[in-house]
Structures are given as structure tokens and as C-alpha cells.
C-alpha atoms as a PDB file:
ATOM      1  CA  MET A   1      40.180  28.848 183.199  1.00  0.00           C
ATOM      2  CA  THR A   2      39.338  25.219 184.140  1.00  0.00           C
ATOM      3  CA  ASP A   3      39.556  22.833 181.117  1.00  0.00           C
ATOM      4  CA  ILE A   4      35.519  22.647 181.344  1.00  0.00           C
ATOM      5  CA  HIS A   5      35.198  26.075 180.934  1.00  0.00           C
ATOM      6  CA  GLN A   6      37.864  26.099 178.134  1.00  0.00           C
ATOM      7  CA  TYR A   7      36.008  23.613 176.003  1.00  0.00           C
ATOM      8  CA  GLU A   8      32.590  25.411 176.440  1.00  0.00           C
ATOM      9  CA  LYS A   9      34.213  28.266 175.126  1.00  0.00           C
ATOM     10  CA  ASP A  10      35.612  25.953 172.183  1.00  0.00           C
ATOM     11  CA  ILE A  11      31.927  25.146 171.625  1.00  0.00           C
ATOM     12  CA  GLU A  12      30.990  28.459 171.417  1.00  0.00           C
ATOM     13  CA  TYR A  13      33.460  29.404 169.444  1.00  0.00           C
ATOM     14  CA  HIS A  14      33.237  26.570 166.919  1.00  0.00           C
ATOM     15  CA  THR A  15      29.367  26.694 166.838  1.00  0.00           C
ATOM     16  CA  GLU A  16      29.820  30.474 165.762  1.00  0.00           C
ATOM     17  CA  ALA A  17      32.425  29.373 163.042  1.00  0.00           C
ATOM     18  CA  LEU A  18      30.222  26.921 161.693  1.00  0.00           C
ATOM     19  CA  ALA A  19      27.506  29.281 161.366  1.00  0.00           C
ATOM     20  CA  ALA A  20      30.070  31.488 159.269  1.00  0.00           C
ATOM     21  CA  ALA A  21      30.947  28.568 157.275  1.00  0.00           C
ATOM     22  CA  LYS A  22      27.541  27.590 156.214  1.00  0.00           C
ATOM     23  CA  LYS A  23      26.790  30.963 155.331  1.00  0.00           C
ATOM     24  CA  SER A  24      30.127  31.576 153.305  1.00  0.00           C
ATOM     25  CA  GLY A  25      29.701  27.970 151.535  1.00  0.00           C
ATOM     26  CA  ASP A  26      32.727  27.157 152.780  1.00  0.00           C
ATOM     27  CA  ARG A  27      32.686  23.313 153.076  1.00  0.00           C
ATOM     28  CA  ARG A  28      36.147  22.561 154.252  1.00  0.00           C
ATOM     29  CA  SER A  29      35.773  24.827 157.318  1.00  0.00           C
ATOM     30  CA  GLU A  30      32.216  23.597 157.725  1.00  0.00           C
ATOM     31  CA  CYS A  31      33.744  20.299 157.935  1.00  0.00           C
ATOM     32  CA  GLU A  32      36.406  21.148 160.270  1.00  0.00           C
ATOM     33  CA  HIS A  33      34.261  23.225 162.894  1.00  0.00           C
ATOM     34  CA  THR A  34      31.920  20.265 162.505  1.00  0.00           C
ATOM     35  CA  GLY A  35      34.293  17.812 163.808  1.00  0.00           C
ATOM     36  CA  ASN A  36      36.015  20.146 166.343  1.00  0.00           C
ATOM     37  CA  LEU A  37      32.564  20.533 167.944  1.00  0.00           C
ATOM     38  CA  GLY A  38      32.539  16.772 168.168  1.00  0.00           C
ATOM     39  CA  MET A  39      35.939  16.676 170.031  1.00  0.00           C
ATOM     40  CA  ALA A  40      35.226  19.444 172.418  1.00  0.00           C
ATOM     41  CA  TYR A  41      31.878  17.022 173.633  1.00  0.00           C
ATOM     42  CA  VAL A  42      34.258  14.000 173.759  1.00  0.00           C
ATOM     43  CA  HIS A  43      36.581  16.236 176.088  1.00  0.00           C
ATOM     44  CA  LEU A  44      33.410  17.182 178.387  1.00  0.00           C
ATOM     45  CA  GLY A  45      32.552  13.702 178.780  1.00  0.00           C
ATOM     46  CA  LYS A  46      29.483  13.614 176.201  1.00  0.00           C
ATOM     47  CA  PRO A  47      30.743  11.147 173.700  1.00  0.00           C
ATOM     48  CA  GLU A  48      27.049  10.399 172.755  1.00  0.00           C
ATOM     49  CA  ARG A  49      26.779  14.307 171.464  1.00  0.00           C
ATOM     50  CA  ALA A  50      29.852  14.175 169.674  1.00  0.00           C
ATOM     51  CA  ILE A  51      28.969  11.130 167.301  1.00  0.00           C
ATOM     52  CA  PRO A  52      26.348  12.954 165.199  1.00  0.00           C
ATOM     53  CA  TYR A  53      28.995  16.053 164.725  1.00  0.00           C
ATOM     54  CA  TYR A  54      31.605  13.622 163.544  1.00  0.00           C
ATOM     55  CA  GLU A  55      29.136  11.933 161.407  1.00  0.00           C
ATOM     56  CA  GLN A  56      28.308  14.806 159.573  1.00  0.00           C
ATOM     57  CA  ALA A  57      32.151  16.153 159.364  1.00  0.00           C
ATOM     58  CA  LEU A  58      32.520  12.833 157.818  1.00  0.00           C
ATOM     59  CA  ALA A  59      29.859  13.175 155.503  1.00  0.00           C
ATOM     60  CA  ILE A  60      31.386  16.280 154.311  1.00  0.00           C
ATOM     61  CA  ALA A  61      35.022  14.990 154.115  1.00  0.00           C
ATOM     62  CA  LYS A  62      33.637  12.467 151.677  1.00  0.00           C
ATOM     63  CA  GLU A  63      31.902  14.919 149.778  1.00  0.00           C
ATOM     64  CA  THR A  64      34.630  17.283 149.117  1.00  0.00           C
ATOM     65  CA  GLY A  65      37.079  14.757 148.545  1.00  0.00           C
ATOM     66  CA  GLY A  66      39.527  15.468 152.158  1.00  0.00           C
ATOM     67  CA  ARG A  67      40.777  11.684 152.459  1.00  0.00           C
ATOM     68  CA  ARG A  68      42.697  13.194 155.283  1.00  0.00           C
ATOM     69  CA  GLU A  69      39.494  14.755 157.075  1.00  0.00           C
ATOM     70  CA  GLU A  70      37.767  11.552 156.503  1.00  0.00           C
ATOM     71  CA  LYS A  71      40.796   9.628 158.184  1.00  0.00           C
ATOM     72  CA  ASN A  72      40.826  11.864 161.295  1.00  0.00           C
ATOM     73  CA  TRP A  73      36.707  11.829 161.802  1.00  0.00           C
ATOM     74  CA  LEU A  74      36.374   7.877 161.404  1.00  0.00           C
ATOM     75  CA  GLY A  75      39.684   7.558 163.954  1.00  0.00           C
ATOM     76  CA  ASN A  76      37.405  10.101 166.440  1.00  0.00           C
ATOM     77  CA  MET A  77      34.534   8.155 165.779  1.00  0.00           C
ATOM     78  CA  GLY A  78      36.452   4.801 166.818  1.00  0.00           C
ATOM     79  CA  LEU A  79      37.486   6.638 169.907  1.00  0.00           C
ATOM     80  CA  ALA A  80      33.985   8.186 170.892  1.00  0.00           C
ATOM     81  CA  TYR A  81      32.517   4.543 170.488  1.00  0.00           C
ATOM     82  CA  SER A  82      35.173   3.290 172.314  1.00  0.00           C
ATOM     83  CA  ILE A  83      34.204   5.435 175.380  1.00  0.00           C
ATOM     84  CA  ARG A  84      31.039   4.836 174.796  1.00  0.00           C
ATOM     85  CA  GLY A  85      32.065   0.608 175.582  1.00  0.00           C
ATOM     86  CA  GLN A  86      30.666  -0.012 171.983  1.00  0.00           C
ATOM     87  CA  TYR A  87      34.100  -1.687 171.043  1.00  0.00           C
ATOM     88  CA  ASP A  88      32.865  -3.791 168.101  1.00  0.00           C
ATOM     89  CA  LYS A  89      31.779  -0.526 166.347  1.00  0.00           C
ATOM     90  CA  ALA A  90      34.886   1.129 167.340  1.00  0.00           C
ATOM     91  CA  ILE A  91      37.217  -1.658 165.594  1.00  0.00           C
ATOM     92  CA  GLY A  92      35.601  -1.011 162.536  1.00  0.00           C
ATOM     93  CA  TYR A  93      35.846   2.900 162.294  1.00  0.00           C
ATOM     94  CA  PHE A  94      39.792   2.474 163.565  1.00  0.00           C
ATOM     95  CA  LYS A  95      39.918   0.153 160.315  1.00  0.00           C
ATOM     96  CA  GLN A  96      38.595   2.089 158.183  1.00  0.00           C
ATOM     97  CA  ALA A  97      40.996   4.978 159.111  1.00  0.00           C
ATOM     98  CA  LEU A  98      43.765   2.528 158.516  1.00  0.00           C
ATOM     99  CA  GLU A  99      42.348   1.588 155.173  1.00  0.00           C
ATOM    100  CA  ILE A 100      42.747   4.915 154.156  1.00  0.00           C
ATOM    101  CA  SER A 101      46.234   5.673 155.643  1.00  0.00           C
ATOM    102  CA  ARG A 102      47.702   2.902 153.479  1.00  0.00           C
ATOM    103  CA  GLU A 103      45.909   4.266 150.568  1.00  0.00           C
ATOM    104  CA  THR A 104      47.361   7.882 150.999  1.00  0.00           C
ATOM    105  CA  GLY A 105      50.636   6.834 152.387  1.00  0.00           C
ATOM    106  CA  GLU A 106      49.786   9.198 155.321  1.00  0.00           C
ATOM    107  CA  ARG A 107      50.817   7.003 157.996  1.00  0.00           C
ATOM    108  CA  GLU A 108      51.399   9.184 161.348  1.00  0.00           C
ATOM    109  CA  GLN A 109      48.467   8.069 163.225  1.00  0.00           C
ATOM    110  CA  ASP A 110      48.389   4.405 162.526  1.00  0.00           C
ATOM    111  CA  GLY A 111      50.298   3.651 165.492  1.00  0.00           C
ATOM    112  CA  SER A 112      47.263   5.129 167.517  1.00  0.00           C
ATOM    113  CA  TRP A 113      44.335   3.165 165.754  1.00  0.00           C
ATOM    114  CA  LEU A 114      46.539   0.392 165.909  1.00  0.00           C
ATOM    115  CA  GLY A 115      46.849   0.712 169.776  1.00  0.00           C
ATOM    116  CA  ASN A 116      43.089   1.466 170.147  1.00  0.00           C
ATOM    117  CA  ILE A 117      42.024  -1.500 168.387  1.00  0.00           C
ATOM    118  CA  GLY A 118      44.500  -3.183 170.668  1.00  0.00           C
ATOM    119  CA  ASN A 119      42.839  -1.723 173.631  1.00  0.00           C
ATOM    120  CA  ALA A 120      39.189  -2.307 172.148  1.00  0.00           C
ATOM    121  CA  ARG A 121      40.155  -6.175 171.821  1.00  0.00           C
ATOM    122  CA  SER A 122      41.104  -6.144 175.473  1.00  0.00           C
ATOM    123  CA  PHE A 123      37.987  -4.743 176.875  1.00  0.00           C
ATOM    124  CA  LEU A 124      36.328  -7.489 174.584  1.00  0.00           C
ATOM    125  CA  GLY A 125      38.505 -10.230 176.386  1.00  0.00           C
ATOM    126  CA  GLN A 126      40.299 -11.153 173.144  1.00  0.00           C
ATOM    127  CA  TYR A 127      43.538 -10.587 174.498  1.00  0.00           C
ATOM    128  CA  GLY A 128      45.619 -12.568 171.906  1.00  0.00           C
ATOM    129  CA  LYS A 129      44.516 -10.266 169.323  1.00  0.00           C
ATOM    130  CA  ALA A 130      44.800  -7.084 171.492  1.00  0.00           C
ATOM    131  CA  ILE A 131      48.648  -8.658 172.284  1.00  0.00           C
ATOM    132  CA  GLY A 132      48.997  -8.254 168.040  1.00  0.00           C
ATOM    133  CA  TYR A 133      47.805  -4.948 167.449  1.00  0.00           C
ATOM    134  CA  TYR A 134      49.990  -3.606 170.550  1.00  0.00           C
ATOM    135  CA  GLU A 135      52.993  -5.306 169.049  1.00  0.00           C
ATOM    136  CA  LYS A 136      51.952  -3.490 165.740  1.00  0.00           C
ATOM    137  CA  ALA A 137      51.294  -0.248 167.617  1.00  0.00           C
ATOM    138  CA  LEU A 138      54.585  -0.415 169.367  1.00  0.00           C
ATOM    139  CA  SER A 139      56.523  -0.886 166.410  1.00  0.00           C
ATOM    140  CA  MET A 140      55.281   2.340 164.658  1.00  0.00           C
ATOM    141  CA  ALA A 141      55.898   4.091 167.830  1.00  0.00           C
ATOM    142  CA  ARG A 142      59.483   2.650 167.971  1.00  0.00           C
ATOM    143  CA  GLN A 143      59.828   3.754 164.145  1.00  0.00           C
ATOM    144  CA  THR A 144      58.783   7.118 164.721  1.00  0.00           C
ATOM    145  CA  GLY A 145      60.316   8.012 168.057  1.00  0.00           C
ATOM    146  CA  ASP A 146      57.124   8.187 170.097  1.00  0.00           C
ATOM    147  CA  ARG A 147      58.464   7.589 173.486  1.00  0.00           C
ATOM    148  CA  GLU A 148      55.243   8.399 175.268  1.00  0.00           C
ATOM    149  CA  ASN A 149      53.171   6.030 173.091  1.00  0.00           C
ATOM    150  CA  GLU A 150      55.927   3.158 173.200  1.00  0.00           C
ATOM    151  CA  GLY A 151      55.351   3.217 176.712  1.00  0.00           C
ATOM    152  CA  LYS A 152      51.791   3.208 176.745  1.00  0.00           C
ATOM    153  CA  TRP A 153      51.621   0.289 174.444  1.00  0.00           C
ATOM    154  CA  LEU A 154      54.183  -1.786 176.272  1.00  0.00           C
ATOM    155  CA  GLY A 155      52.274  -1.098 179.821  1.00  0.00           C
ATOM    156  CA  ASN A 156      49.119  -2.146 177.733  1.00  0.00           C
ATOM    157  CA  MET A 157      50.541  -5.166 176.107  1.00  0.00           C
ATOM    158  CA  GLY A 158      52.007  -5.967 179.810  1.00  0.00           C
ATOM    159  CA  ASN A 159      48.122  -5.876 181.221  1.00  0.00           C
ATOM    160  CA  ALA A 160      47.108  -7.871 178.216  1.00  0.00           C
ATOM    161  CA  CYS A 161      50.001 -10.576 178.577  1.00  0.00           C
ATOM    162  CA  ASN A 162      48.921 -11.178 182.362  1.00  0.00           C
ATOM    163  CA  SER A 163      45.437 -11.911 181.268  1.00  0.00           C
ATOM    164  CA  VAL A 164      46.629 -14.799 179.543  1.00  0.00           C
ATOM    165  CA  GLY A 165      49.287 -15.754 182.035  1.00  0.00           C
ATOM    166  CA  GLN A 166      52.407 -14.717 180.060  1.00  0.00           C
ATOM    167  CA  HIS A 167      53.631 -12.779 183.357  1.00  0.00           C
ATOM    168  CA  GLU A 168      57.013 -13.212 182.314  1.00  0.00           C
ATOM    169  CA  ARG A 169      56.591 -11.718 179.308  1.00  0.00           C
ATOM    170  CA  ALA A 170      54.282  -8.673 181.017  1.00  0.00           C
ATOM    171  CA  VAL A 171      57.369  -8.092 183.439  1.00  0.00           C
ATOM    172  CA  LYS A 172      59.441  -7.265 180.581  1.00  0.00           C
ATOM    173  CA  CYS A 173      56.758  -5.019 178.960  1.00  0.00           C
ATOM    174  CA  TYR A 174      56.234  -3.377 182.566  1.00  0.00           C
ATOM    175  CA  GLU A 175      59.948  -2.911 182.825  1.00  0.00           C
ATOM    176  CA  HIS A 176      60.656  -1.524 179.523  1.00  0.00           C
ATOM    177  CA  ALA A 177      57.571   0.855 180.028  1.00  0.00           C
ATOM    178  CA  LEU A 178      59.193   1.961 183.158  1.00  0.00           C
ATOM    179  CA  ILE A 179      62.321   2.834 182.057  1.00  0.00           C
ATOM    180  CA  ILE A 180      61.006   5.176 179.463  1.00  0.00           C
ATOM    181  CA  ALA A 181      58.537   6.834 182.467  1.00  0.00           C
ATOM    182  CA  ARG A 182      61.167   7.670 183.958  1.00  0.00           C
ATOM    183  CA  LYS A 183      63.128   8.985 181.039  1.00  0.00           C
ATOM    184  CA  THR A 184      60.442  11.238 180.035  1.00  0.00           C
ATOM    185  CA  GLY A 185      59.611  12.523 183.427  1.00  0.00           C
ATOM    186  CA  ASP A 186      56.036  10.851 183.602  1.00  0.00           C
ATOM    187  CA  ALA A 187      55.832  10.367 186.913  1.00  0.00           C
ATOM    188  CA  ASN A 188      52.162   9.236 186.886  1.00  0.00           C
ATOM    189  CA  SER A 189      53.050   6.453 184.211  1.00  0.00           C
ATOM    190  CA  GLU A 190      56.057   5.408 186.169  1.00  0.00           C
ATOM    191  CA  GLY A 191      53.862   4.906 189.704  1.00  0.00           C
ATOM    192  CA  THR A 192      51.385   2.675 187.176  1.00  0.00           C
ATOM    193  CA  PHE A 193      53.982   0.395 185.820  1.00  0.00           C
ATOM    194  CA  LEU A 194      55.643  -0.230 189.350  1.00  0.00           C
ATOM    195  CA  PHE A 195      52.557  -1.287 190.630  1.00  0.00           C
ATOM    196  CA  ASN A 196      51.359  -3.436 187.873  1.00  0.00           C
ATOM    197  CA  LEU A 197      55.155  -5.016 188.051  1.00  0.00           C
ATOM    198  CA  GLY A 198      54.976  -5.389 191.656  1.00  0.00           C
ATOM    199  CA  LYS A 199      51.426  -7.187 191.135  1.00  0.00           C
ATOM    200  CA  THR A 200      53.166  -9.385 188.554  1.00  0.00           C
ATOM    201  CA  HIS A 201      56.212 -10.508 190.633  1.00  0.00           C
ATOM    202  CA  TYR A 202      53.812 -11.316 193.504  1.00  0.00           C
ATOM    203  CA  SER A 203      51.870 -13.506 191.439  1.00  0.00           C
ATOM    204  CA  LEU A 204      55.184 -15.421 189.976  1.00  0.00           C
ATOM    205  CA  GLY A 205      55.638 -16.032 193.903  1.00  0.00           C
ATOM    206  CA  HIS A 206      58.476 -13.135 194.057  1.00  0.00           C
ATOM    207  CA  THR A 207      56.551 -12.040 196.955  1.00  0.00           C
ATOM    208  CA  GLU A 208      59.423  -9.523 198.828  1.00  0.00           C
ATOM    209  CA  LYS A 209      60.321  -8.105 195.172  1.00  0.00           C
ATOM    210  CA  GLY A 210      56.491  -7.729 194.446  1.00  0.00           C
ATOM    211  CA  ILE A 211      55.720  -5.711 197.736  1.00  0.00           C
ATOM    212  CA  LYS A 212      58.972  -3.670 197.319  1.00  0.00           C
ATOM    213  CA  LEU A 213      57.918  -2.440 194.075  1.00  0.00           C
ATOM    214  CA  MET A 214      54.534  -1.437 194.994  1.00  0.00           C
ATOM    215  CA  GLU A 215      55.480  -0.028 197.968  1.00  0.00           C
ATOM    216  CA  GLN A 216      57.674   2.535 195.476  1.00  0.00           C
ATOM    217  CA  ALA A 217      54.671   3.339 193.523  1.00  0.00           C
ATOM    218  CA  VAL A 218      52.716   4.244 196.612  1.00  0.00           C
ATOM    219  CA  ALA A 219      55.712   6.721 196.951  1.00  0.00           C
ATOM    220  CA  THR A 220      55.683   7.749 193.487  1.00  0.00           C
ATOM    221  CA  PHE A 221      52.128   8.534 193.658  1.00  0.00           C
ATOM    222  CA  ASP A 222      52.212  10.146 197.022  1.00  0.00           C
ATOM    223  CA  ARG A 223      55.292  12.585 195.690  1.00  0.00           C
ATOM    224  CA  ILE A 224      52.975  13.985 192.835  1.00  0.00           C
ATOM    225  CA  ASN A 225      49.906  14.204 195.034  1.00  0.00           C
ATOM    226  CA  SER A 226      48.163  11.742 192.713  1.00  0.00           C
ATOM    227  CA  PRO A 227      44.262  10.967 193.242  1.00  0.00           C
ATOM    228  CA  TYR A 228      45.208   7.331 193.186  1.00  0.00           C
ATOM    229  CA  THR A 229      47.639   7.482 195.986  1.00  0.00           C
ATOM    230  CA  GLU A 230      44.911   6.257 198.710  1.00  0.00           C
ATOM    231  CA  THR A 231      43.364   3.282 196.213  1.00  0.00           C
ATOM    232  CA  VAL A 232      47.120   1.898 195.655  1.00  0.00           C
ATOM    233  CA  ARG A 233      48.114   2.321 199.263  1.00  0.00           C
ATOM    234  CA  SER A 234      44.374   0.101 200.013  1.00  0.00           C
ATOM    235  CA  ARG A 235      45.612  -2.355 197.367  1.00  0.00           C
ATOM    236  CA  LEU A 236      49.116  -2.582 198.820  1.00  0.00           C
ATOM    237  CA  HIS A 237      47.581  -3.131 202.007  1.00  0.00           C
ATOM    238  CA  GLN A 238      45.570  -6.439 201.159  1.00  0.00           C
ATOM    239  CA  PHE A 239      48.423  -7.720 199.261  1.00  0.00           C
ATOM    240  CA  LYS A 240      50.431  -7.561 202.449  1.00  0.00           C
ATOM    241  CA  SER A 241      47.863  -9.043 204.857  1.00  0.00           C
END
């Protein structure tokens, strides 16, 4: 079964479960299935369909006093608005989720919200602010031993550093991210960090080193039959010409 078919099945299931919850008056289950419908629509690439479900789930969470659920749906609303490119709105929802985390002391998702604020700031061209949020997200990932997100926030921070001309710092970010990708066996991220590291070295005038790293990126993507292989190969050709 493809992912699309699975998410369509999820929609069928949660729609039926939501109807049953409403009939029985189980507000907590109603909240859960409403929000999960939103998540299914996001996975299907339809954030505009997801947002009304998240709004309904959020309203029920507030009504029933479910602060954990309220925080969860606020964060998911932020993600949905980010996908739609409405970054200012997304930031507002992520910040509300963070505020509840501070109140309740349940901070396991803080790194995600902080990093996503960093992403939104980057998309808005506010790279200095983005770097600050990535630093906080990175700290949270290291505290919790979350290697996957540690690598992700390092890579994103490297991109932001490049955007403000901090190329040497970007190199360090990509180098650390690359080590993590290799240790965790994430070949797709390994290829991405190799290519970004190569581009940065090229920008610093380290032409031979930059080309070599980008060639390694192409080889890595080729090894895993990545859909990005030809795009990266084409970019490498541009750098060589």
C-alpha cells in the first residue's frame, strides 16, 4: 500500500471514529480524531484542508482543559501554515506552543518548535534571528540525545550562516552535520551536507576541495538512487564549467 492510500485509509478511519466519539459525547476522543484528520490531510499535501480540523481540535482541547493536546495542535497549526508559506502566522502558533511547554514543564517538543521558528525566519529572510533559534533547537537536541534533529538543525544553521556571509561558521556546521549523518546512516542527508559543504568551500575560494566534495555528494545520491542525483550532477557541472 502506498503512503497516499494509507493516509486515505486514515481519513476513512478517523472520520468514522470521530462520528462515534461525537455520538457518545467523548470529547477527548473527538479532539484526538479531529486533529488526526488534520494530520492526514497534511501528509496528503493539503494543509488548507488540515487547518480547519486543527482549529476544531484546538477549540475542544481548550474546552476540556487538555493542555498537552492544546500544545500539540498549536504546533501542528504552525507546521500547516509553514507549508502554505504563511510564515508569520506559523511563528505565532509555534510560540504559543512553546509558552504552554514552559507552563507545563513538558518540553519534549520544544526543540522542534524552536527549529521550525528558525525555518520560518529563514524563509522570511531574517537569517540572524533564524540562527538564534537554530542554536536553541540544537541545544535541546543535544540535551535529549536527538541525533537526527541535531544534524538537521546544524545543516539549516549552516544554510542561514551562508546567507549572512558567515561561510567559515557554515563549514563547521556542515562538517558536524555530516559526521552525524554518517553515524546514523542517513545517506540522503549525507549527500545534502556534502554538496552544501562543497559549495561553501568553493565560495571561499577552495575550488578543488569544493569540487571534490560535490563529486562525493553526487556519488552518495547515485548510490541510493536518489531523485536528486541528476539535479546535483547538473549543478556540479555548472561549477566545473
